[in-house]
Amino acid sequence: MTLADIGAAQVMRAVEEFDRLGRRAFLERYGFGPSRTYRLVVDGRSYDSKAIVGAAHGHLPGQRPLKPSEFSGGLDHAVRLLTDLGFRVERSPAVDAGVGVGVGVDRLVERIAKLRVASTAGGPRLYQPITLLWAVGRALRGEPRMLSWEETATALRGLLGRHGLRGERPRPDYPVLALHRAGLWSLEGHTGEVPSAHGDAALQQWFSEQRPEGGLAAPVHALVAGSGQARVAVVEAIVERFFDGLDEVPLLEEVGLYEDSVADDPVRDGDAGPVDPVAAAAQYEKWCALVDRREARDGVRYRERTVRDPLRSGPARRAVLIRCGDRCENPECPGQPDDRTDRGLPLLEVDHVVELAAGGRDHPSQMVALCPNCHAVKTRGRSRERLREILLEVALERHRRGPLPS
């Protein structure tokens, strides 16, 4: 069968599956990255067009889903199929509110550093950072980029009320308009010019009358949805600038950015083949640079659940997983399990050789990737002290050498 055999029924089954799993899990299941140019729109919700078509093929009798390498998502293939079936497909704008499609991590962090915010005696107001973190958390979970104003306002009023630590009022119109002016937020479905983020009654009246849909600017959303490094850098930049002297952990927990998974990239089965050693080495250096900058600025931060802090252990964990080449780093490993996780990842656990509570560093030079058996020996085995000495030397040597060749 070919793309032409796909009908509207198969597309809608894929759409329903997307809604049920969430964007991130759906893309991971079928091995697709986020759509950069074209988006399928169904009932006001946006979907990755090429991924939907690939999954829809698997709903044909006796057929399997298509891989990204097996067809094109452009005008002559997936887009034409969807439009011929009567679906609405939108092209992402080349420039969205002043932020180019090719926006990179450094440029996004620079924009966050230059945000214009009101200040108090204790520090900058948290309206915009709370809104950004909420949106980044939604992107991580694969939720739709755009939301109705009613949904946005309800979510942000609650977050501002619970985490506005510098006297912020539950006024979501302020940060949304400020971020729109900064080129980080899209507002659609309104008429006339968007007002500036000033005043009270006038702003409330505008949102009450216009009820725009809103969300992160498309290129920003694509970046933080598809790159663990981008999410870590954005969260780190926000915390560093806005939360000095404050405890950001409750907010990060609520918006879903306090887990190590914040640093993970989507796993794509379509990306088969050996990893480029040059690219792996460059990525390892980037993760280590994030860890080094954080450690140089803050040292070791002692607080409850420090080891789960994604601003630190997330990048370090990703660096170790790149370095190990999918293999247990214990030189005495009797045999790593051949099985893999549901996401296609090797059965490995990243471990601190010297625990943080005992003065260890949250750094790749003191961390190793271990299979479940070796991790159990290192944690509970009679030979654990000898093994820890070996692993500490291994971690340092592997860190100096960099990623293993595939």
Protein backbone atom coordinates (compact mmCIF):
# COMPACT_ATOMS: atom_id res chain seq x y z
CA MET A 1 0.00 0.00 0.00
CA THR A 2 1.02 3.65 -0.50
CA LEU A 3 0.18 7.03 1.01
CA ALA A 4 -2.76 7.24 -1.38
CA ASP A 5 -4.42 4.33 0.44
CA ILE A 6 -4.71 6.35 3.65
CA GLY A 7 -8.18 7.73 4.25
CA ALA A 8 -9.72 10.23 6.63
CA ALA A 9 -10.64 7.43 9.05
CA GLN A 10 -7.00 6.38 9.46
CA VAL A 11 -5.90 10.00 9.94
CA MET A 12 -8.50 10.54 12.66
CA ARG A 13 -7.39 7.36 14.44
CA ALA A 14 -3.85 8.73 14.49
CA VAL A 15 -5.16 12.07 15.77
CA GLU A 16 -7.07 10.32 18.55
CA GLU A 17 -3.93 8.39 19.48
CA PHE A 18 -1.95 11.66 19.53
CA ASP A 19 -4.50 13.17 21.92
CA ARG A 20 -4.48 10.08 24.13
CA LEU A 21 -0.68 9.74 24.41
CA GLY A 22 0.33 13.38 24.26
CA ARG A 23 2.65 14.87 21.67
CA ARG A 24 5.97 13.79 23.13
CA ALA A 25 5.01 10.15 23.66
CA PHE A 26 3.33 9.98 20.23
CA LEU A 27 6.43 11.30 18.42
CA GLU A 28 8.68 8.94 20.37
CA ARG A 29 6.47 5.94 19.62
CA TYR A 30 6.67 6.51 15.87
CA GLY A 31 10.20 7.93 15.69
CA PHE A 32 9.34 11.41 14.37
CA GLY A 33 10.71 14.80 15.29
CA PRO A 34 8.52 17.92 15.67
CA SER A 35 7.12 19.35 12.41
CA ARG A 36 9.08 22.41 11.41
CA THR A 37 7.02 23.71 8.49
CA TYR A 38 3.52 22.20 8.26
CA ARG A 39 0.96 21.48 10.98
CA LEU A 40 -2.34 19.62 10.75
CA VAL A 41 -5.20 21.48 12.48
CA VAL A 42 -8.24 19.54 13.72
CA ASP A 43 -10.91 21.23 15.84
CA GLY A 44 -8.53 24.06 16.64
CA ARG A 45 -5.78 21.72 17.88
CA SER A 46 -2.40 21.47 16.15
CA TYR A 47 -0.68 18.20 15.19
CA ASP A 48 2.64 17.21 13.59
CA SER A 49 1.48 16.51 10.05
CA LYS A 50 4.16 14.07 8.90
CA ALA A 51 3.99 12.02 12.12
CA ILE A 52 0.20 11.79 11.82
CA VAL A 53 0.45 10.46 8.26
CA GLY A 54 3.13 7.94 9.22
CA ALA A 55 1.04 6.64 12.12
CA ALA A 56 -2.14 6.64 10.00
CA HIS A 57 -0.56 4.17 7.57
CA GLY A 58 -0.33 1.68 10.45
CA HIS A 59 -4.11 1.82 10.84
CA LEU A 60 -4.61 0.37 7.35
CA PRO A 61 -5.48 -3.35 7.38
CA GLY A 62 -2.32 -5.45 7.54
CA GLN A 63 0.02 -2.45 7.34
CA ARG A 64 2.64 -1.00 9.65
CA PRO A 65 3.37 2.67 10.46
CA LEU A 66 5.76 4.41 8.10
CA LYS A 67 9.17 5.61 9.27
CA PRO A 68 10.27 9.23 8.71
CA SER A 69 12.79 8.13 6.07
CA GLU A 70 10.10 6.36 3.97
CA PHE A 71 8.18 9.42 2.77
CA SER A 72 8.23 13.20 2.60
CA GLY A 73 6.23 15.54 4.76
CA GLY A 74 6.21 18.30 2.11
CA LEU A 75 3.64 19.72 -0.27
CA ASP A 76 3.84 16.84 -2.75
CA HIS A 77 3.37 14.04 -0.21
CA ALA A 78 1.95 14.21 3.35
CA VAL A 79 0.56 17.74 3.03
CA ARG A 80 -1.13 16.99 -0.30
CA LEU A 81 -2.64 13.80 1.12
CA LEU A 82 -4.12 15.62 4.10
CA THR A 83 -5.49 18.53 2.08
CA ASP A 84 -6.95 16.18 -0.54
CA LEU A 85 -8.79 14.41 2.29
CA GLY A 86 -10.30 17.73 3.35
CA PHE A 87 -8.05 18.45 6.34
CA ARG A 88 -6.67 21.88 7.18
CA VAL A 89 -2.88 22.17 7.07
CA GLU A 90 -1.12 25.37 8.11
CA ARG A 91 2.36 26.51 7.26
CA SER A 92 4.40 27.82 10.19
CA PRO A 93 5.38 31.45 9.59
CA ALA A 94 9.01 32.10 8.69
CA VAL A 95 9.09 34.73 11.39
CA ASP A 96 6.85 34.62 14.44
CA ALA A 97 6.75 37.78 16.50
CA GLY A 98 10.35 38.63 15.69
CA VAL A 99 11.88 35.22 16.54
CA GLY A 100 13.17 33.32 13.49
CA VAL A 101 12.40 29.65 12.87
CA GLY A 102 16.07 28.89 13.29
CA VAL A 103 16.22 30.39 16.79
CA GLY A 104 18.98 28.73 18.78
CA VAL A 105 19.58 28.12 22.46
CA ASP A 106 22.01 31.02 22.88
CA ARG A 107 19.66 33.49 21.21
CA LEU A 108 16.71 32.35 23.31
CA VAL A 109 18.70 32.61 26.55
CA GLU A 110 19.83 36.08 25.49
CA ARG A 111 16.21 37.14 24.99
CA ILE A 112 15.31 35.87 28.45
CA ALA A 113 18.21 37.80 29.95
CA LYS A 114 16.92 40.99 28.29
CA LEU A 115 13.28 40.69 29.34
CA ARG A 116 11.96 43.96 30.70
CA VAL A 117 10.26 43.31 34.03
CA ALA A 118 9.08 45.37 36.97
CA SER A 119 11.16 45.12 40.12
CA THR A 120 10.61 45.21 43.86
CA ALA A 121 13.05 45.81 46.68
CA GLY A 122 13.53 42.05 46.86
CA GLY A 123 14.13 41.48 43.16
CA PRO A 124 12.36 41.24 39.78
CA ARG A 125 8.69 40.38 39.52
CA LEU A 126 7.93 36.76 38.63
CA TYR A 127 5.03 37.23 36.20
CA GLN A 128 6.97 36.45 33.02
CA PRO A 129 9.25 33.71 34.40
CA ILE A 130 6.28 31.81 35.89
CA THR A 131 4.46 32.03 32.54
CA LEU A 132 7.51 30.87 30.57
CA LEU A 133 8.20 27.92 32.87
CA TRP A 134 4.57 26.83 32.63
CA ALA A 135 4.73 26.93 28.83
CA VAL A 136 8.07 25.08 28.68
CA GLY A 137 6.63 22.34 30.91
CA ARG A 138 3.68 21.98 28.55
CA ALA A 139 6.03 21.72 25.57
CA LEU A 140 8.04 19.01 27.35
CA ARG A 141 4.88 16.96 27.84
CA GLY A 142 3.88 17.36 24.19
CA GLU A 143 0.77 19.41 24.92
CA PRO A 144 -0.65 21.77 22.25
CA ARG A 145 1.27 25.00 21.75
CA MET A 146 -1.82 27.23 21.59
CA LEU A 147 -4.55 27.40 24.24
CA SER A 148 -7.73 29.41 24.57
CA TRP A 149 -7.53 32.51 26.72
CA GLU A 150 -9.87 30.92 29.27
CA GLU A 151 -7.56 27.90 29.72
CA THR A 152 -4.44 30.08 29.83
CA ALA A 153 -5.92 32.52 32.33
CA THR A 154 -7.16 29.77 34.64
CA ALA A 155 -3.79 28.01 34.73
CA LEU A 156 -1.73 31.19 35.21
CA ARG A 157 -3.99 32.68 37.88
CA GLY A 158 -3.43 29.57 39.97
CA LEU A 159 0.34 29.53 39.43
CA LEU A 160 0.72 33.24 40.16
CA GLY A 161 -1.37 32.88 43.29
CA ARG A 162 0.67 29.93 44.58
CA HIS A 163 4.17 30.94 43.44
CA GLY A 164 4.09 34.74 43.22
CA LEU A 165 6.74 35.22 45.88
CA ARG A 166 7.21 38.96 45.29
CA GLY A 167 3.64 40.15 45.60
CA GLU A 168 2.44 39.21 42.12
CA ARG A 169 -1.29 39.53 41.57
CA PRO A 170 -3.23 36.79 39.72
CA ARG A 171 -3.19 38.83 36.50
CA PRO A 172 -2.17 36.62 33.55
CA ASP A 173 -2.76 39.43 31.03
CA TYR A 174 0.40 41.23 32.17
CA PRO A 175 2.97 38.49 31.44
CA VAL A 176 1.22 37.29 28.27
CA LEU A 177 1.29 40.75 26.71
CA ALA A 178 4.85 41.43 27.89
CA LEU A 179 6.11 38.16 26.42
CA HIS A 180 4.21 38.90 23.20
CA ARG A 181 6.00 42.24 22.93
CA ALA A 182 9.31 40.45 23.58
CA GLY A 183 8.67 38.11 20.64
CA LEU A 184 8.34 34.99 22.79
CA TRP A 185 4.55 34.60 22.78
CA SER A 186 1.98 34.30 20.00
CA LEU A 187 -1.56 35.69 20.20
CA GLU A 188 -4.01 34.67 17.48
CA GLY A 189 -7.71 35.04 16.72
CA HIS A 190 -8.01 38.71 17.71
CA THR A 191 -8.83 41.79 15.68
CA GLY A 192 -6.85 45.02 15.71
CA GLU A 193 -3.58 45.79 17.41
CA VAL A 194 -2.49 44.02 20.58
CA PRO A 195 -2.29 46.53 23.44
CA SER A 196 0.81 47.12 25.54
CA ALA A 197 1.16 45.53 28.97
CA HIS A 198 -0.02 48.57 30.91
CA GLY A 199 -3.21 49.48 32.73
CA ASP A 200 -5.82 47.36 34.42
CA ALA A 201 -9.38 47.79 33.22
CA ALA A 202 -8.41 48.33 29.57
CA LEU A 203 -6.34 45.13 29.43
CA GLN A 204 -9.01 43.04 31.11
CA GLN A 205 -11.61 44.41 28.74
CA TRP A 206 -9.45 43.63 25.67
CA PHE A 207 -8.95 40.00 26.70
CA SER A 208 -12.61 39.67 27.69
CA GLU A 209 -13.71 40.91 24.26
CA GLN A 210 -11.05 39.34 22.03
CA ARG A 211 -10.46 36.02 23.84
CA PRO A 212 -7.30 35.23 21.81
CA GLU A 213 -5.57 31.88 21.62
CA GLY A 214 -1.99 32.05 22.86
CA GLY A 215 1.21 30.14 23.49
CA LEU A 216 4.94 30.20 22.98
CA ALA A 217 6.08 31.57 19.62
CA ALA A 218 6.24 28.64 17.19
CA PRO A 219 10.04 28.47 16.81
CA VAL A 220 10.56 28.81 20.57
CA HIS A 221 8.05 26.04 21.22
CA ALA A 222 9.70 23.78 18.63
CA LEU A 223 13.10 24.36 20.23
CA VAL A 224 12.12 23.61 23.83
CA ALA A 225 9.84 20.72 22.79
CA GLY A 226 12.58 18.95 20.85
CA SER A 227 15.80 19.76 22.72
CA GLY A 228 16.66 18.76 26.27
CA GLN A 229 19.68 21.04 26.19
CA ALA A 230 17.44 23.99 25.27
CA ARG A 231 15.03 23.27 28.13
CA VAL A 232 17.83 22.99 30.66
CA ALA A 233 19.44 26.21 29.43
CA VAL A 234 16.13 28.09 29.53
CA VAL A 235 15.21 26.87 33.01
CA GLU A 236 18.70 27.66 34.27
CA ALA A 237 18.60 31.17 32.77
CA ILE A 238 15.20 31.90 34.32
CA VAL A 239 16.16 30.59 37.75
CA GLU A 240 19.49 32.42 37.73
CA ARG A 241 18.00 35.78 36.83
CA PHE A 242 14.66 35.79 38.62
CA PHE A 243 14.82 33.45 41.62
CA ASP A 244 17.92 34.64 43.48
CA GLY A 245 17.16 34.17 47.17
CA LEU A 246 13.94 32.29 46.46
CA ASP A 247 13.07 28.59 46.42
CA GLU A 248 12.06 27.78 42.85
CA VAL A 249 11.60 24.03 43.50
CA PRO A 250 7.83 24.03 44.26
CA LEU A 251 7.13 25.89 41.02
CA LEU A 252 9.39 23.61 38.96
CA GLU A 253 7.71 20.57 40.49
CA GLU A 254 4.23 21.82 39.66
CA VAL A 255 5.01 22.68 36.02
CA GLY A 256 6.87 19.38 35.48
CA LEU A 257 10.42 20.71 35.17
CA TYR A 258 11.96 19.16 38.28
CA GLU A 259 12.71 15.71 36.88
CA ASP A 260 15.85 14.46 35.14
CA SER A 261 13.73 13.85 32.03
CA VAL A 262 13.71 17.61 31.41
CA ALA A 263 17.16 17.12 29.86
CA ASP A 264 16.17 14.20 27.61
CA ASP A 265 15.75 14.50 23.86
CA PRO A 266 13.01 12.54 22.07
CA VAL A 267 14.12 9.03 21.10
CA ARG A 268 13.54 8.48 17.39
CA ASP A 269 13.65 4.98 15.97
CA GLY A 270 14.08 6.49 12.52
CA ASP A 271 17.48 7.82 13.49
CA ALA A 272 19.16 4.46 12.95
CA GLY A 273 22.85 4.04 12.33
CA PRO A 274 26.06 4.72 14.25
CA VAL A 275 26.42 7.96 16.15
CA ASP A 276 28.87 10.43 14.64
CA PRO A 277 31.78 10.47 17.13
CA VAL A 278 32.52 14.12 16.41
CA ALA A 279 28.91 15.10 17.09
CA ALA A 280 28.85 12.96 20.25
CA ALA A 281 32.03 14.60 21.54
CA ALA A 282 30.62 18.06 20.84
CA GLN A 283 27.37 17.22 22.63
CA TYR A 284 29.28 15.80 25.59
CA GLU A 285 31.25 19.04 25.86
CA LYS A 286 28.03 21.10 25.80
CA TRP A 287 26.46 19.11 28.64
CA CYS A 288 29.65 19.29 30.69
CA ALA A 289 29.86 23.04 30.10
CA LEU A 290 26.38 23.47 31.58
CA VAL A 291 27.38 21.43 34.61
CA ASP A 292 30.67 23.32 35.04
CA ARG A 293 29.02 26.74 34.85
CA ARG A 294 26.45 25.78 37.46
CA GLU A 295 29.04 24.28 39.79
CA ALA A 296 31.38 27.27 39.44
CA ARG A 297 28.59 29.67 40.29
CA ASP A 298 26.82 27.83 43.11
CA GLY A 299 29.11 25.02 44.27
CA VAL A 300 27.21 22.10 45.76
CA ARG A 301 23.76 23.19 46.91
CA TYR A 302 22.53 21.26 49.93
CA ARG A 303 18.78 21.06 50.06
CA GLU A 304 16.14 18.36 50.10
CA ARG A 305 16.16 16.18 46.94
CA THR A 306 19.23 17.91 45.53
CA VAL A 307 20.10 14.84 43.44
CA ARG A 308 16.86 15.31 41.46
CA ASP A 309 17.59 18.93 40.53
CA PRO A 310 17.27 18.97 36.69
CA LEU A 311 19.42 22.08 36.41
CA ARG A 312 22.38 20.02 37.50
CA SER A 313 21.93 16.23 37.46
CA GLY A 314 19.91 16.39 34.24
CA PRO A 315 22.79 17.69 32.07
CA ALA A 316 25.32 15.54 33.94
CA ARG A 317 23.18 12.45 33.39
CA ARG A 318 22.80 13.18 29.68
CA ALA A 319 26.56 13.67 29.35
CA VAL A 320 27.30 10.29 30.95
CA LEU A 321 24.79 8.51 28.72
CA ILE A 322 26.43 10.02 25.64
CA ARG A 323 29.89 9.12 26.92
CA CYS A 324 29.19 5.47 27.70
CA GLY A 325 28.19 4.47 24.17
CA ASP A 326 25.18 2.50 25.50
CA ARG A 327 27.44 0.18 27.52
CA CYS A 328 27.96 -0.38 31.25
CA GLU A 329 31.09 1.50 32.39
CA ASN A 330 32.10 -1.08 35.00
CA PRO A 331 35.25 -2.73 33.54
CA GLU A 332 34.36 -5.90 35.50
CA CYS A 333 30.77 -6.08 34.22
CA PRO A 334 29.86 -9.78 33.79
CA GLY A 335 27.38 -8.98 31.03
CA GLN A 336 24.92 -6.19 30.38
CA PRO A 337 21.33 -7.27 29.58
CA ASP A 338 20.60 -7.19 25.86
CA ASP A 339 17.00 -6.13 26.45
CA ARG A 340 15.99 -2.47 26.13
CA THR A 341 13.32 -0.19 27.55
CA ASP A 342 10.03 0.56 25.82
CA ARG A 343 11.68 3.70 24.42
CA GLY A 344 14.53 1.67 22.91
CA LEU A 345 17.12 2.80 25.47
CA PRO A 346 19.74 0.49 27.00
CA LEU A 347 19.13 -0.77 30.53
CA LEU A 348 21.54 1.61 32.25
CA GLU A 349 21.37 3.68 35.41
CA VAL A 350 23.52 6.77 35.90
CA ASP A 351 25.01 6.74 39.37
CA HIS A 352 27.10 9.07 41.54
CA VAL A 353 30.18 7.10 42.58
CA VAL A 354 30.54 9.34 45.64
CA GLU A 355 27.12 10.32 46.97
CA LEU A 356 26.35 14.04 47.10
CA ALA A 357 25.54 13.79 50.80
CA ALA A 358 29.06 12.45 51.34
CA GLY A 359 30.67 15.39 49.53
CA GLY A 360 30.65 14.03 45.99
CA ARG A 361 30.28 16.20 42.90
CA ASP A 362 27.24 16.24 40.64
CA HIS A 363 29.60 16.05 37.66
CA PRO A 364 30.33 13.49 34.89
CA SER A 365 33.85 13.06 36.22
CA GLN A 366 32.35 11.40 39.32
CA MET A 367 29.41 9.63 37.69
CA VAL A 368 29.11 6.35 35.77
CA ALA A 369 26.55 4.48 33.70
CA LEU A 370 25.90 1.02 35.18
CA CYS A 371 23.73 -1.90 34.17
CA PRO A 372 21.22 -3.00 36.85
CA ASN A 373 23.46 -5.82 38.11
CA CYS A 374 26.55 -3.65 38.50
CA HIS A 375 24.50 -0.90 40.08
CA ALA A 376 23.21 -3.36 42.68
CA VAL A 377 26.76 -4.54 43.45
CA LYS A 378 28.00 -0.95 43.76
CA THR A 379 25.09 -0.10 46.10
CA ARG A 380 24.61 -3.26 48.21
CA GLY A 381 27.31 -5.80 47.36
CA ARG A 382 30.04 -6.92 49.76
CA SER A 383 32.65 -5.72 47.29
CA ARG A 384 31.04 -2.30 46.88
CA GLU A 385 33.90 -0.32 48.47
CA ARG A 386 36.49 -1.86 46.13
CA LEU A 387 34.19 -1.38 43.16
CA ARG A 388 33.59 2.26 44.05
CA GLU A 389 37.32 2.91 43.99
CA ILE A 390 37.55 1.35 40.54
CA LEU A 391 34.53 3.25 39.26
CA LEU A 392 35.85 6.57 40.53
CA GLU A 393 39.00 6.06 38.46
CA VAL A 394 36.91 4.95 35.48
CA ALA A 395 34.65 8.00 35.69
CA LEU A 396 37.59 10.39 35.73
CA GLU A 397 39.40 8.60 32.88
CA ARG A 398 36.25 8.36 30.73
CA HIS A 399 35.51 12.03 31.36
CA ARG A 400 38.98 13.01 30.17
CA ARG A 401 38.71 10.77 27.10
CA GLY A 402 35.16 11.68 26.09
CA PRO A 403 32.50 9.57 24.35
CA LEU A 404 33.28 6.02 23.27
CA PRO A 405 33.23 5.30 19.54
CA SER A 406 30.08 3.52 18.34
